[in-house]
Amino acid sequence: MVQDKTTSAIILMAVTFFLAIAFLNSISTQVLEHTQKAVASGETTNLSVFCYTPAGQVNESNLNCNITVKNAPSGWKIENDDCNAIGNVVVTNATGSVLTLNTDYRLYATQGLIQMLNTTATNSTNLGENVIISYDYCGDGYVTSSWGRSLLNTTTGFYALGILLAIVGLVYILYNKRL
């Protein structure tokens, strides 16, 4: 009878351990989604043919030469200092050559706007059809307070610690029953 209880406890401990590990992955993924800024990589856009002059140069005064990123700050993100701008912006042409900030383009990060400038790198021949943009931004579930993100980041560690303590407790109980 004692052997059956011990076997049942070991099976229960193994099932609990594997379920806890499965939940640990889910919890850590959810925490990261709410504590780290989201990354948009490889967002492509075509500059309108109306952006260029007949000679293929960028017409800087033309609004068709402005690119608004898909995840531009809006709503509550505009009012929050931590989320009111896109960051780590990289603009490349169709061949992967990186364009230079304030030389080839201007960035208005709080508006999520990129204004192309007239340079040899941005003319219609060198830029190619697609402009490729990568940047980070606040996702909809982003925790805006730094103390909130810090507290949420500890959740995964405390959960893992709880799993460890539960397993140690079960092993202790099983060990004492055998004596």
Protein backbone atom coordinates (compact mmCIF):
# COMPACT_ATOMS: atom_id res chain seq x y z
CA MET A 1 0.00 0.00 0.00
CA VAL A 2 2.83 2.39 0.87
CA GLN A 3 4.55 1.46 -2.39
CA ASP A 4 1.41 2.44 -4.36
CA LYS A 5 1.28 5.84 -2.64
CA THR A 6 4.95 6.42 -3.30
CA THR A 7 4.58 5.52 -6.97
CA SER A 8 1.52 7.77 -7.26
CA ALA A 9 3.39 10.63 -5.62
CA ILE A 10 6.35 10.22 -7.99
CA ILE A 11 4.03 10.22 -11.01
CA LEU A 12 2.21 13.29 -9.64
CA MET A 13 5.55 15.02 -9.09
CA ALA A 14 6.71 14.26 -12.65
CA VAL A 15 3.44 15.46 -14.21
CA THR A 16 3.50 18.61 -12.08
CA PHE A 17 7.10 19.29 -13.04
CA PHE A 18 6.45 18.96 -16.80
CA LEU A 19 3.30 21.10 -16.63
CA ALA A 20 5.13 23.76 -14.64
CA ILE A 21 7.96 23.84 -17.19
CA ALA A 22 5.42 24.18 -20.02
CA PHE A 23 3.75 27.09 -18.22
CA LEU A 24 7.13 28.67 -17.49
CA ASN A 25 7.77 29.13 -21.20
CA SER A 26 4.34 30.68 -21.72
CA ILE A 27 4.72 33.02 -18.76
CA SER A 28 8.17 34.23 -19.83
CA THR A 29 6.91 34.86 -23.38
CA GLN A 30 3.99 36.92 -22.08
CA VAL A 31 6.23 38.89 -19.75
CA LEU A 32 8.61 39.75 -22.60
CA GLU A 33 5.71 40.92 -24.78
CA HIS A 34 4.71 43.41 -22.09
CA THR A 35 8.13 44.59 -20.92
CA GLN A 36 10.14 44.93 -24.14
CA LYS A 37 9.39 47.15 -27.08
CA ALA A 38 8.16 45.36 -30.18
CA VAL A 39 10.40 45.26 -33.24
CA ALA A 40 9.21 45.91 -36.77
CA SER A 41 11.83 44.60 -39.17
CA GLY A 42 11.71 44.71 -42.92
CA GLU A 43 8.71 47.00 -43.25
CA THR A 44 8.69 47.89 -46.93
CA THR A 45 7.15 50.81 -48.72
CA ASN A 46 7.33 52.16 -52.23
CA LEU A 47 7.99 55.80 -52.80
CA SER A 48 5.40 57.16 -55.13
CA VAL A 49 6.57 58.10 -58.61
CA PHE A 50 5.21 61.53 -57.70
CA CYS A 51 8.00 61.86 -55.12
CA TYR A 52 10.61 62.17 -57.84
CA THR A 53 11.37 64.96 -60.25
CA PRO A 54 11.57 64.02 -63.95
CA ALA A 55 15.36 63.70 -63.49
CA GLY A 56 14.83 61.01 -60.79
CA GLN A 57 15.75 63.20 -57.82
CA VAL A 58 13.75 63.35 -54.59
CA ASN A 59 11.48 66.38 -54.41
CA GLU A 60 11.93 67.18 -50.71
CA SER A 61 8.94 69.53 -50.57
CA ASN A 62 6.59 66.84 -51.91
CA LEU A 63 4.55 65.02 -49.24
CA ASN A 64 4.79 61.84 -51.36
CA CYS A 65 8.42 61.65 -50.20
CA ASN A 66 7.34 61.24 -46.57
CA ILE A 67 6.93 57.74 -45.18
CA THR A 68 4.78 57.11 -42.11
CA VAL A 69 5.64 53.78 -40.49
CA LYS A 70 2.83 51.32 -39.82
CA ASN A 71 3.32 51.44 -36.04
CA ALA A 72 3.58 55.21 -35.62
CA PRO A 73 2.80 56.41 -32.08
CA SER A 74 -0.90 57.13 -31.58
CA GLY A 75 -3.42 57.32 -28.75
CA TRP A 76 -1.95 56.82 -25.29
CA LYS A 77 1.52 56.28 -26.78
CA ILE A 78 1.75 59.93 -27.82
CA GLU A 79 1.21 61.10 -24.24
CA ASN A 80 3.61 58.64 -22.63
CA ASP A 81 7.28 59.70 -22.60
CA ASP A 82 8.48 56.09 -22.80
CA CYS A 83 6.38 55.34 -25.90
CA ASN A 84 6.02 58.64 -27.73
CA ALA A 85 8.63 57.84 -30.38
CA ILE A 86 9.86 55.01 -32.51
CA GLY A 87 13.48 54.01 -31.86
CA ASN A 88 16.47 52.23 -33.36
CA VAL A 89 15.39 53.19 -36.86
CA VAL A 90 17.32 51.73 -39.80
CA VAL A 91 16.37 52.69 -43.37
CA THR A 92 17.80 50.74 -46.29
CA ASN A 93 17.29 50.66 -50.03
CA ALA A 94 16.19 47.64 -52.04
CA THR A 95 19.77 46.32 -52.29
CA GLY A 96 20.28 46.51 -48.50
CA SER A 97 22.50 49.62 -48.40
CA VAL A 98 21.83 51.54 -45.20
CA LEU A 99 20.79 55.16 -45.65
CA THR A 100 22.26 57.83 -43.37
CA LEU A 101 20.15 59.78 -40.89
CA ASN A 102 20.11 63.55 -41.55
CA THR A 103 21.95 63.00 -44.84
CA ASP A 104 19.64 60.72 -46.82
CA TYR A 105 16.55 61.10 -44.64
CA ARG A 106 15.17 62.98 -41.65
CA LEU A 107 13.45 61.17 -38.82
CA TYR A 108 10.50 62.62 -36.93
CA ALA A 109 10.34 59.84 -34.35
CA THR A 110 7.39 61.18 -32.34
CA GLN A 111 5.27 61.19 -35.49
CA GLY A 112 6.68 57.97 -36.93
CA LEU A 113 7.61 59.92 -40.05
CA ILE A 114 10.61 59.55 -42.34
CA GLN A 115 11.26 62.31 -44.86
CA MET A 116 13.47 61.33 -47.76
CA LEU A 117 16.12 63.89 -48.76
CA ASN A 118 17.61 64.50 -52.16
CA THR A 119 20.96 62.70 -52.29
CA THR A 120 22.59 60.31 -54.70
CA ALA A 121 21.64 57.41 -52.43
CA THR A 122 17.94 58.32 -52.59
CA ASN A 123 17.51 59.09 -56.28
CA SER A 124 15.17 56.77 -58.15
CA THR A 125 18.05 54.79 -59.68
CA ASN A 126 19.96 54.07 -56.43
CA LEU A 127 17.03 53.75 -54.05
CA GLY A 128 15.23 51.11 -56.06
CA GLU A 129 11.54 50.44 -55.79
CA ASN A 130 11.37 49.59 -52.09
CA VAL A 131 12.47 51.45 -48.99
CA ILE A 132 12.97 48.99 -46.13
CA ILE A 133 12.52 50.24 -42.57
CA SER A 134 13.25 48.53 -39.25
CA TYR A 135 12.50 50.10 -35.87
CA ASP A 136 11.16 49.40 -32.39
CA TYR A 137 7.94 50.73 -30.88
CA CYS A 138 5.60 50.21 -27.95
CA GLY A 139 3.15 47.38 -28.54
CA ASP A 140 -0.41 47.72 -27.32
CA GLY A 141 0.22 45.74 -24.12
CA TYR A 142 3.51 47.47 -23.24
CA VAL A 143 3.84 48.36 -19.55
CA THR A 144 4.78 52.04 -19.56
CA SER A 145 6.11 52.44 -16.03
CA SER A 146 9.66 51.30 -15.40
CA TRP A 147 8.83 49.99 -11.92
CA GLY A 148 5.94 47.99 -13.41
CA ARG A 149 8.25 46.41 -16.00
CA SER A 150 10.81 45.60 -13.29
CA LEU A 151 8.17 43.99 -11.11
CA LEU A 152 6.72 42.02 -14.02
CA ASN A 153 10.19 40.80 -15.01
CA THR A 154 10.55 39.16 -11.58
CA THR A 155 7.42 37.06 -12.15
CA THR A 156 9.21 34.39 -14.16
CA GLY A 157 11.96 34.03 -11.57
CA PHE A 158 9.51 33.70 -8.69
CA TYR A 159 7.48 31.15 -10.65
CA ALA A 160 10.63 29.09 -11.30
CA LEU A 161 11.54 29.38 -7.63
CA GLY A 162 8.05 28.16 -6.70
CA ILE A 163 8.48 25.12 -8.97
CA LEU A 164 11.82 24.34 -7.35
CA LEU A 165 10.39 24.66 -3.83
CA ALA A 166 7.42 22.45 -4.72
CA ILE A 167 9.69 19.74 -6.08
CA VAL A 168 12.01 19.94 -3.07
CA GLY A 169 8.97 19.71 -0.80
CA LEU A 170 7.61 16.64 -2.60
CA VAL A 171 11.01 14.94 -2.53
CA TYR A 172 11.32 15.72 1.19
CA ILE A 173 7.89 14.26 1.90
CA LEU A 174 8.64 11.12 -0.13
CA TYR A 175 12.02 10.70 1.54
CA ASN A 176 10.50 10.97 5.03
CA LYS A 177 7.77 8.44 4.21
CA ARG A 178 10.36 5.86 3.18
CA LEU A 179 12.22 6.13 6.52
